[in-house]
Amino acid sequence: MIEIPAASRGVLYPTRLPTFHRKPVTGDLAVFVRWFWIPEWDIEPGRSSRQHLIGFPAANLVVENSTIGISGPTTRASYRDLTGRGWAVGALLRPAATPPLVGDAALFRDAYREAELPDLAAAVRSAMSADAPADERRRAAIAAFTDWLQNRLGAPSDDALLANRMVEAAETDPALLNVTDLAAHLHISTRSLQRLAAKYVGLPPAALIRRRRLQEAAERLRQDPGLDLTALAHEFGYADHAHLTNDFRTSLGFTPSNYRRSLPTE
C-alpha cells in the first residue's frame, strides 16, 4: 500500500515503495520542516527491496528502530536495500532548520551520519513500538518528533526565510532555468545566492534547479513512457536530447532511454 498525499518526484520507482506515509507540516513548525515521512516494511527472509531516490536538495533527520542520524543533501541518485522488518520516521528539513540542527550542511553532502539525540530517539521509538493501531502509532511518533523540534528551534532569521524562498522557487518555478534567473527572482546578487545556498542547503544553487528538472523529467517518463526524448528535453529547458541524457547519466547513473526501459509495464 502506498499513501503519499503530496507528489513524490524524488522516488524513481514508486511502485516498489513499502507502506509509506507522508504528513505535510502545518503551523509554526512549517517554516523548519516540510513534511514527516514514515515507511514501514516487512520483507520475506532472504529477499530485499531496493529503493532508488533522486532526493530533494535538503537534509533529513531520521529515527529508526536501531539508529538515528542525519542524511545530507545529495548530488546524485542514491538507493537503500530494505531487508527484514523495520520502520523509519524522518523529517525533511527546510533550509531554515539546517544551521541549528545540522550545522555545516556541506559536511553531510552525499552522506549519512549517526547523531546522539537520545531524547528524540526514545520518544519516537516509544510511540512506534506502542501496542496501538498503526495510524495511532504514526500520529504519536510525529507528535513526539514535533515537540522535540519545537523545543530546539527559535524564530527563523530573515536570511533563513530567504533561503526557504530560494529552494521553493528553484523547486517550483519552471521559468527559472539558471542561477542568474534565480538570483533575479530573489532580488539578490549571484554571489549572495551562492553564499545562501552554501550555508542553508550545502549545495550550489545550480544544483537546486538541476534537481527539479531531473525529478520532473523522470516523472514525465513514468507518466508517458512513449514520450519523444527530444520533446522531453525541450519541455524542461534542455538545449537538446544530448544535454538531457548527459544530466541523467551524471546524476542518476543511467540514460533516459535506460530509465524508460526499466519502468514496470502494465
C-alpha atoms as a PDB file:
ATOM      1  CA  MET A   1       0.000   0.000   0.000  1.00  0.00           C
ATOM      2  CA  ILE A   2       1.283   3.480  -0.880  1.00  0.00           C
ATOM      3  CA  GLU A   3      -0.161   6.566   0.789  1.00  0.00           C
ATOM      4  CA  ILE A   4       1.518   9.761  -0.418  1.00  0.00           C
ATOM      5  CA  PRO A   5      -0.754  12.810  -0.164  1.00  0.00           C
ATOM      6  CA  ALA A   6       1.851  15.064  -1.798  1.00  0.00           C
ATOM      7  CA  ALA A   7       3.642  14.350  -5.067  1.00  0.00           C
ATOM      8  CA  SER A   8       6.813  12.320  -4.684  1.00  0.00           C
ATOM      9  CA  ARG A   9       9.090  13.311  -7.529  1.00  0.00           C
ATOM     10  CA  GLY A  10      12.110  12.039  -5.621  1.00  0.00           C
ATOM     11  CA  VAL A  11      11.157   8.353  -5.872  1.00  0.00           C
ATOM     12  CA  LEU A  12      12.341   6.843  -9.138  1.00  0.00           C
ATOM     13  CA  TYR A  13      10.274   3.653  -8.820  1.00  0.00           C
ATOM     14  CA  PRO A  14       7.177   4.499  -6.743  1.00  0.00           C
ATOM     15  CA  THR A  15       5.558   1.086  -7.246  1.00  0.00           C
ATOM     16  CA  ARG A  16       8.427  -0.520  -5.317  1.00  0.00           C
ATOM     17  CA  LEU A  17       7.810   1.519  -2.175  1.00  0.00           C
ATOM     18  CA  PRO A  18       6.926  -0.274   1.038  1.00  0.00           C
ATOM     19  CA  THR A  19       3.954   1.015   3.030  1.00  0.00           C
ATOM     20  CA  PHE A  20       4.679   4.745   3.032  1.00  0.00           C
ATOM     21  CA  HIS A  21       3.019   7.671   4.764  1.00  0.00           C
ATOM     22  CA  ARG A  22       3.785  11.348   4.389  1.00  0.00           C
ATOM     23  CA  LYS A  23       2.393  14.118   6.583  1.00  0.00           C
ATOM     24  CA  PRO A  24       2.874  17.738   5.441  1.00  0.00           C
ATOM     25  CA  VAL A  25       3.686  20.074   8.324  1.00  0.00           C
ATOM     26  CA  THR A  26       1.438  22.994   9.215  1.00  0.00           C
ATOM     27  CA  GLY A  27       1.606  25.740  11.813  1.00  0.00           C
ATOM     28  CA  ASP A  28       4.740  27.323  13.238  1.00  0.00           C
ATOM     29  CA  LEU A  29       6.927  24.284  12.539  1.00  0.00           C
ATOM     30  CA  ALA A  30       6.255  24.500   8.788  1.00  0.00           C
ATOM     31  CA  VAL A  31       8.999  27.108   8.399  1.00  0.00           C
ATOM     32  CA  PHE A  32      11.511  24.464   9.523  1.00  0.00           C
ATOM     33  CA  VAL A  33      10.108  21.130   8.319  1.00  0.00           C
ATOM     34  CA  ARG A  34       8.454  20.355   5.007  1.00  0.00           C
ATOM     35  CA  TRP A  35       6.941  17.002   5.949  1.00  0.00           C
ATOM     36  CA  PHE A  36       7.332  13.923   8.086  1.00  0.00           C
ATOM     37  CA  TRP A  37       7.661  10.608   6.275  1.00  0.00           C
ATOM     38  CA  ILE A  38       7.200   7.104   7.665  1.00  0.00           C
ATOM     39  CA  PRO A  39       7.962   3.946   5.682  1.00  0.00           C
ATOM     40  CA  GLU A  40       7.266   0.547   7.247  1.00  0.00           C
ATOM     41  CA  TRP A  41       8.378  -2.723   5.726  1.00  0.00           C
ATOM     42  CA  ASP A  42       8.248  -6.457   6.312  1.00  0.00           C
ATOM     43  CA  ILE A  43      10.390  -8.238   3.709  1.00  0.00           C
ATOM     44  CA  GLU A  44      10.404 -12.010   3.396  1.00  0.00           C
ATOM     45  CA  PRO A  45      13.576 -13.707   4.693  1.00  0.00           C
ATOM     46  CA  GLY A  46      16.271 -13.897   2.041  1.00  0.00           C
ATOM     47  CA  ARG A  47      14.753 -11.110  -0.030  1.00  0.00           C
ATOM     48  CA  SER A  48      15.295  -7.345  -0.207  1.00  0.00           C
ATOM     49  CA  SER A  49      13.559  -4.290  -1.645  1.00  0.00           C
ATOM     50  CA  ARG A  50      15.777  -1.670  -3.291  1.00  0.00           C
ATOM     51  CA  GLN A  51      14.563   1.928  -3.070  1.00  0.00           C
ATOM     52  CA  HIS A  52      16.012   4.285  -5.716  1.00  0.00           C
ATOM     53  CA  LEU A  53      15.849   8.012  -4.940  1.00  0.00           C
ATOM     54  CA  ILE A  54      16.759  11.306  -6.531  1.00  0.00           C
ATOM     55  CA  GLY A  55      16.122  13.191  -3.323  1.00  0.00           C
ATOM     56  CA  PHE A  56      15.073  16.741  -2.655  1.00  0.00           C
ATOM     57  CA  PRO A  57      18.001  19.138  -2.053  1.00  0.00           C
ATOM     58  CA  ALA A  58      17.723  19.059   1.715  1.00  0.00           C
ATOM     59  CA  ALA A  59      18.798  17.248   4.854  1.00  0.00           C
ATOM     60  CA  ASN A  60      16.641  14.672   6.626  1.00  0.00           C
ATOM     61  CA  LEU A  61      16.654  13.896  10.347  1.00  0.00           C
ATOM     62  CA  VAL A  62      15.728  10.217  10.631  1.00  0.00           C
ATOM     63  CA  VAL A  63      14.853   7.976  13.589  1.00  0.00           C
ATOM     64  CA  GLU A  64      14.801   4.215  13.057  1.00  0.00           C
ATOM     65  CA  ASN A  65      14.273   1.299  15.381  1.00  0.00           C
ATOM     66  CA  SER A  66      18.043   0.899  15.881  1.00  0.00           C
ATOM     67  CA  THR A  67      19.708   4.124  14.685  1.00  0.00           C
ATOM     68  CA  ILE A  68      19.193   7.870  14.456  1.00  0.00           C
ATOM     69  CA  GLY A  69      21.038  10.133  12.087  1.00  0.00           C
ATOM     70  CA  ILE A  70      21.160  12.930   9.559  1.00  0.00           C
ATOM     71  CA  SER A  71      21.043  12.216   5.848  1.00  0.00           C
ATOM     72  CA  GLY A  72      22.555  15.149   3.986  1.00  0.00           C
ATOM     73  CA  PRO A  73      21.689  16.699   0.634  1.00  0.00           C
ATOM     74  CA  THR A  74      22.656  14.559  -2.334  1.00  0.00           C
ATOM     75  CA  THR A  75      24.323  15.354  -5.644  1.00  0.00           C
ATOM     76  CA  ARG A  76      23.308  12.098  -7.329  1.00  0.00           C
ATOM     77  CA  ALA A  77      20.808   9.271  -7.129  1.00  0.00           C
ATOM     78  CA  SER A  78      21.024   7.024  -4.096  1.00  0.00           C
ATOM     79  CA  TYR A  79      19.491   3.765  -3.022  1.00  0.00           C
ATOM     80  CA  ARG A  80      18.832   1.681   0.033  1.00  0.00           C
ATOM     81  CA  ASP A  81      18.157  -2.030   0.265  1.00  0.00           C
ATOM     82  CA  LEU A  82      15.427  -2.830   2.781  1.00  0.00           C
ATOM     83  CA  THR A  83      15.519  -6.222   4.480  1.00  0.00           C
ATOM     84  CA  GLY A  84      13.680  -7.877   7.328  1.00  0.00           C
ATOM     85  CA  ARG A  85      11.161  -5.855   9.274  1.00  0.00           C
ATOM     86  CA  GLY A  86      11.524  -2.216  10.209  1.00  0.00           C
ATOM     87  CA  TRP A  87      10.367   1.364  10.107  1.00  0.00           C
ATOM     88  CA  ALA A  88      11.729   4.893   9.948  1.00  0.00           C
ATOM     89  CA  VAL A  89      10.355   8.275  10.954  1.00  0.00           C
ATOM     90  CA  GLY A  90      12.012  11.125   9.079  1.00  0.00           C
ATOM     91  CA  ALA A  91      11.676  14.888   8.913  1.00  0.00           C
ATOM     92  CA  LEU A  92      12.519  16.583   5.618  1.00  0.00           C
ATOM     93  CA  LEU A  93      14.135  19.792   6.830  1.00  0.00           C
ATOM     94  CA  ARG A  94      13.698  23.157   5.214  1.00  0.00           C
ATOM     95  CA  PRO A  95      16.816  25.336   4.812  1.00  0.00           C
ATOM     96  CA  ALA A  96      15.891  27.385   7.904  1.00  0.00           C
ATOM     97  CA  ALA A  97      16.384  24.287  10.085  1.00  0.00           C
ATOM     98  CA  THR A  98      19.762  23.331   8.655  1.00  0.00           C
ATOM     99  CA  PRO A  99      22.206  25.530  10.636  1.00  0.00           C
ATOM    100  CA  PRO A 100      20.601  24.911  14.058  1.00  0.00           C
ATOM    101  CA  LEU A 101      20.113  21.159  13.593  1.00  0.00           C
ATOM    102  CA  VAL A 102      22.787  20.109  11.099  1.00  0.00           C
ATOM    103  CA  GLY A 103      25.488  22.772  11.305  1.00  0.00           C
ATOM    104  CA  ASP A 104      27.644  22.818   8.181  1.00  0.00           C
ATOM    105  CA  ALA A 105      25.411  21.153   5.613  1.00  0.00           C
ATOM    106  CA  ALA A 106      28.315  20.665   3.193  1.00  0.00           C
ATOM    107  CA  LEU A 107      29.855  18.170   5.633  1.00  0.00           C
ATOM    108  CA  PHE A 108      26.782  15.969   5.192  1.00  0.00           C
ATOM    109  CA  ARG A 109      26.683  16.125   1.399  1.00  0.00           C
ATOM    110  CA  ASP A 110      26.063  12.640  -0.025  1.00  0.00           C
ATOM    111  CA  ALA A 111      26.493  11.212   3.461  1.00  0.00           C
ATOM    112  CA  TYR A 112      24.603   9.745   6.382  1.00  0.00           C
ATOM    113  CA  ARG A 113      25.960  10.371   9.875  1.00  0.00           C
ATOM    114  CA  GLU A 114      24.617   8.953  13.102  1.00  0.00           C
ATOM    115  CA  ALA A 115      23.562  11.502  15.714  1.00  0.00           C
ATOM    116  CA  GLU A 116      23.472  11.403  19.513  1.00  0.00           C
ATOM    117  CA  LEU A 117      19.914  12.546  20.205  1.00  0.00           C
ATOM    118  CA  PRO A 118      18.700  10.126  22.883  1.00  0.00           C
ATOM    119  CA  ASP A 119      15.608  12.127  23.905  1.00  0.00           C
ATOM    120  CA  LEU A 120      14.278  12.222  20.353  1.00  0.00           C
ATOM    121  CA  ALA A 121      15.115   8.581  19.714  1.00  0.00           C
ATOM    122  CA  ALA A 122      13.418   7.409  22.924  1.00  0.00           C
ATOM    123  CA  ALA A 123      10.240   9.413  22.304  1.00  0.00           C
ATOM    124  CA  VAL A 124       9.779   8.297  18.694  1.00  0.00           C
ATOM    125  CA  ARG A 125      10.658   4.669  19.385  1.00  0.00           C
ATOM    126  CA  SER A 126       8.219   4.550  22.291  1.00  0.00           C
ATOM    127  CA  ALA A 127       5.444   5.798  20.023  1.00  0.00           C
ATOM    128  CA  MET A 128       6.269   3.416  17.174  1.00  0.00           C
ATOM    129  CA  SER A 129       6.517   0.363  19.435  1.00  0.00           C
ATOM    130  CA  ALA A 130       3.302   1.033  21.367  1.00  0.00           C
ATOM    131  CA  ASP A 131       0.526  -1.542  21.367  1.00  0.00           C
ATOM    132  CA  ALA A 132      -1.847   0.601  19.330  1.00  0.00           C
ATOM    133  CA  PRO A 133      -3.307   0.768  15.809  1.00  0.00           C
ATOM    134  CA  ALA A 134      -0.790   1.709  13.130  1.00  0.00           C
ATOM    135  CA  ASP A 135      -2.270   5.123  12.353  1.00  0.00           C
ATOM    136  CA  GLU A 136      -2.316   5.990  16.059  1.00  0.00           C
ATOM    137  CA  ARG A 137       1.343   4.974  16.434  1.00  0.00           C
ATOM    138  CA  ARG A 138       2.338   7.154  13.483  1.00  0.00           C
ATOM    139  CA  ARG A 139       0.429  10.158  14.823  1.00  0.00           C
ATOM    140  CA  ALA A 140       2.090   9.749  18.219  1.00  0.00           C
ATOM    141  CA  ALA A 141       5.544   9.472  16.631  1.00  0.00           C
ATOM    142  CA  ILE A 142       5.015  12.655  14.617  1.00  0.00           C
ATOM    143  CA  ALA A 143       3.706  14.457  17.706  1.00  0.00           C
ATOM    144  CA  ALA A 144       6.799  13.421  19.688  1.00  0.00           C
ATOM    145  CA  PHE A 145       9.093  14.494  16.841  1.00  0.00           C
ATOM    146  CA  THR A 146       7.246  17.818  16.589  1.00  0.00           C
ATOM    147  CA  ASP A 147       7.565  18.529  20.318  1.00  0.00           C
ATOM    148  CA  TRP A 148      11.286  17.779  20.246  1.00  0.00           C
ATOM    149  CA  LEU A 149      11.863  20.109  17.299  1.00  0.00           C
ATOM    150  CA  GLN A 150       9.773  22.941  18.710  1.00  0.00           C
ATOM    151  CA  ASN A 151      11.794  22.861  21.919  1.00  0.00           C
ATOM    152  CA  ARG A 152      15.037  23.355  19.974  1.00  0.00           C
ATOM    153  CA  LEU A 153      14.181  25.804  17.222  1.00  0.00           C
ATOM    154  CA  GLY A 154      13.684  29.512  17.805  1.00  0.00           C
ATOM    155  CA  ALA A 155      12.436  32.165  15.434  1.00  0.00           C
ATOM    156  CA  PRO A 156      13.981  31.973  11.937  1.00  0.00           C
ATOM    157  CA  SER A 157      16.219  34.816  10.755  1.00  0.00           C
ATOM    158  CA  ASP A 158      15.486  36.876   7.651  1.00  0.00           C
ATOM    159  CA  ASP A 159      18.252  35.011   5.817  1.00  0.00           C
ATOM    160  CA  ALA A 160      16.727  31.678   6.831  1.00  0.00           C
ATOM    161  CA  LEU A 161      13.366  32.719   5.421  1.00  0.00           C
ATOM    162  CA  LEU A 162      15.066  33.902   2.236  1.00  0.00           C
ATOM    163  CA  ALA A 163      16.785  30.525   1.940  1.00  0.00           C
ATOM    164  CA  ASN A 164      13.382  28.835   2.216  1.00  0.00           C
ATOM    165  CA  ARG A 165      12.097  31.042  -0.604  1.00  0.00           C
ATOM    166  CA  MET A 166      15.188  30.228  -2.662  1.00  0.00           C
ATOM    167  CA  VAL A 167      14.588  26.484  -2.515  1.00  0.00           C
ATOM    168  CA  GLU A 168      10.849  26.815  -3.042  1.00  0.00           C
ATOM    169  CA  ALA A 169      11.369  28.960  -6.141  1.00  0.00           C
ATOM    170  CA  ALA A 170      14.057  26.692  -7.590  1.00  0.00           C
ATOM    171  CA  GLU A 171      11.825  23.684  -6.993  1.00  0.00           C
ATOM    172  CA  THR A 172       8.557  25.013  -8.348  1.00  0.00           C
ATOM    173  CA  ASP A 173       9.133  27.746 -10.947  1.00  0.00           C
ATOM    174  CA  PRO A 174       9.857  26.277 -14.411  1.00  0.00           C
ATOM    175  CA  ALA A 175      10.803  29.744 -15.694  1.00  0.00           C
ATOM    176  CA  LEU A 176      13.960  29.717 -13.535  1.00  0.00           C
ATOM    177  CA  LEU A 177      16.483  27.934 -15.754  1.00  0.00           C
ATOM    178  CA  ASN A 178      19.804  29.118 -14.286  1.00  0.00           C
ATOM    179  CA  VAL A 179      21.482  30.824 -11.337  1.00  0.00           C
ATOM    180  CA  THR A 180      21.054  34.297 -12.812  1.00  0.00           C
ATOM    181  CA  ASP A 181      17.301  33.740 -13.115  1.00  0.00           C
ATOM    182  CA  LEU A 182      17.054  32.562  -9.519  1.00  0.00           C
ATOM    183  CA  ALA A 183      19.105  35.460  -8.141  1.00  0.00           C
ATOM    184  CA  ALA A 184      16.977  37.971 -10.041  1.00  0.00           C
ATOM    185  CA  HIS A 185      13.797  36.329  -8.763  1.00  0.00           C
ATOM    186  CA  LEU A 186      15.022  36.815  -5.166  1.00  0.00           C
ATOM    187  CA  HIS A 187      16.394  40.334  -5.879  1.00  0.00           C
ATOM    188  CA  ILE A 188      19.900  39.444  -4.710  1.00  0.00           C
ATOM    189  CA  SER A 189      23.286  39.084  -6.413  1.00  0.00           C
ATOM    190  CA  THR A 190      24.513  35.737  -7.701  1.00  0.00           C
ATOM    191  CA  ARG A 191      27.298  35.837  -5.100  1.00  0.00           C
ATOM    192  CA  SER A 192      24.764  36.329  -2.292  1.00  0.00           C
ATOM    193  CA  LEU A 193      22.724  33.479  -3.743  1.00  0.00           C
ATOM    194  CA  GLN A 194      25.758  31.193  -3.712  1.00  0.00           C
ATOM    195  CA  ARG A 195      26.516  32.050  -0.070  1.00  0.00           C
ATOM    196  CA  LEU A 196      22.895  31.450   0.903  1.00  0.00           C
ATOM    197  CA  ALA A 197      22.810  28.044  -0.777  1.00  0.00           C
ATOM    198  CA  ALA A 198      26.126  27.008   0.763  1.00  0.00           C
ATOM    199  CA  LYS A 199      25.037  27.900   4.302  1.00  0.00           C
ATOM    200  CA  TYR A 200      21.460  26.675   4.276  1.00  0.00           C
ATOM    201  CA  VAL A 201      21.496  23.786   1.799  1.00  0.00           C
ATOM    202  CA  GLY A 202      25.067  22.632   1.307  1.00  0.00           C
ATOM    203  CA  LEU A 203      24.752  22.558  -2.484  1.00  0.00           C
ATOM    204  CA  PRO A 204      25.413  25.195  -5.160  1.00  0.00           C
ATOM    205  CA  PRO A 205      22.280  26.984  -6.414  1.00  0.00           C
ATOM    206  CA  ALA A 206      22.627  25.455  -9.885  1.00  0.00           C
ATOM    207  CA  ALA A 207      22.137  22.038  -8.299  1.00  0.00           C
ATOM    208  CA  LEU A 208      18.742  23.112  -6.932  1.00  0.00           C
ATOM    209  CA  ILE A 209      17.471  23.920 -10.420  1.00  0.00           C
ATOM    210  CA  ARG A 210      19.043  20.826 -11.951  1.00  0.00           C
ATOM    211  CA  ARG A 211      17.371  18.610  -9.335  1.00  0.00           C
ATOM    212  CA  ARG A 212      13.912  19.942 -10.158  1.00  0.00           C
ATOM    213  CA  ARG A 213      14.428  19.400 -13.872  1.00  0.00           C
ATOM    214  CA  LEU A 214      15.664  15.845 -13.351  1.00  0.00           C
ATOM    215  CA  GLN A 215      12.860  14.939 -10.967  1.00  0.00           C
ATOM    216  CA  GLU A 216      10.215  16.348 -13.280  1.00  0.00           C
ATOM    217  CA  ALA A 217      11.711  14.757 -16.383  1.00  0.00           C
ATOM    218  CA  ALA A 218      11.779  11.362 -14.656  1.00  0.00           C
ATOM    219  CA  GLU A 219       8.203  11.834 -13.500  1.00  0.00           C
ATOM    220  CA  ARG A 220       7.085  12.668 -17.061  1.00  0.00           C
ATOM    221  CA  LEU A 221       8.697   9.478 -18.337  1.00  0.00           C
ATOM    222  CA  ARG A 222       6.832   7.480 -15.694  1.00  0.00           C
ATOM    223  CA  GLN A 223       3.577   9.122 -16.771  1.00  0.00           C
ATOM    224  CA  ASP A 224       4.232   8.782 -20.513  1.00  0.00           C
ATOM    225  CA  PRO A 225       6.959   6.209 -21.333  1.00  0.00           C
ATOM    226  CA  GLY A 226       6.402   6.721 -25.057  1.00  0.00           C
ATOM    227  CA  LEU A 227       7.270  10.422 -24.942  1.00  0.00           C
ATOM    228  CA  ASP A 228       9.835  11.556 -27.507  1.00  0.00           C
ATOM    229  CA  LEU A 229      13.065  12.327 -25.658  1.00  0.00           C
ATOM    230  CA  THR A 230      13.855  15.432 -27.698  1.00  0.00           C
ATOM    231  CA  ALA A 231      10.427  16.812 -26.804  1.00  0.00           C
ATOM    232  CA  LEU A 232      11.082  15.896 -23.170  1.00  0.00           C
ATOM    233  CA  ALA A 233      14.399  17.759 -23.222  1.00  0.00           C
ATOM    234  CA  HIS A 234      12.826  20.907 -24.643  1.00  0.00           C
ATOM    235  CA  GLU A 235       9.933  20.726 -22.172  1.00  0.00           C
ATOM    236  CA  PHE A 236      12.345  21.066 -19.268  1.00  0.00           C
ATOM    237  CA  GLY A 237      14.654  23.682 -20.723  1.00  0.00           C
ATOM    238  CA  TYR A 238      17.473  21.494 -22.067  1.00  0.00           C
ATOM    239  CA  ALA A 239      19.107  22.587 -25.290  1.00  0.00           C
ATOM    240  CA  ASP A 240      18.708  19.139 -26.801  1.00  0.00           C
ATOM    241  CA  HIS A 241      18.380  15.421 -26.173  1.00  0.00           C
ATOM    242  CA  ALA A 242      22.154  15.072 -25.601  1.00  0.00           C
ATOM    243  CA  HIS A 243      22.173  17.565 -22.708  1.00  0.00           C
ATOM    244  CA  LEU A 244      19.255  15.782 -21.031  1.00  0.00           C
ATOM    245  CA  THR A 245      20.995  12.434 -21.462  1.00  0.00           C
ATOM    246  CA  ASN A 246      24.230  13.770 -20.010  1.00  0.00           C
ATOM    247  CA  ASP A 247      22.409  15.175 -16.962  1.00  0.00           C
ATOM    248  CA  PHE A 248      20.641  11.852 -16.392  1.00  0.00           C
ATOM    249  CA  ARG A 249      23.857   9.867 -16.740  1.00  0.00           C
ATOM    250  CA  THR A 250      25.868  12.174 -14.447  1.00  0.00           C
ATOM    251  CA  SER A 251      23.289  12.447 -11.660  1.00  0.00           C
ATOM    252  CA  LEU A 252      21.335   9.207 -11.912  1.00  0.00           C
ATOM    253  CA  GLY A 253      23.838   6.804 -13.418  1.00  0.00           C
ATOM    254  CA  PHE A 254      21.697   5.867 -16.417  1.00  0.00           C
ATOM    255  CA  THR A 255      20.240   7.469 -19.544  1.00  0.00           C
ATOM    256  CA  PRO A 256      16.584   8.455 -20.084  1.00  0.00           C
ATOM    257  CA  SER A 257      16.265   5.563 -22.534  1.00  0.00           C
ATOM    258  CA  ASN A 258      17.570   3.075 -19.979  1.00  0.00           C
ATOM    259  CA  TYR A 259      15.303   4.503 -17.292  1.00  0.00           C
ATOM    260  CA  ARG A 260      12.289   4.181 -19.563  1.00  0.00           C
ATOM    261  CA  ARG A 261      13.113   0.547 -20.320  1.00  0.00           C
ATOM    262  CA  SER A 262      13.428  -0.203 -16.592  1.00  0.00           C
ATOM    263  CA  LEU A 263       9.967   1.084 -15.710  1.00  0.00           C
ATOM    264  CA  PRO A 264       7.327  -1.519 -14.890  1.00  0.00           C
ATOM    265  CA  THR A 265       4.799  -2.225 -17.614  1.00  0.00           C
ATOM    266  CA  GLU A 266       1.101  -2.548 -17.070  1.00  0.00           C
END
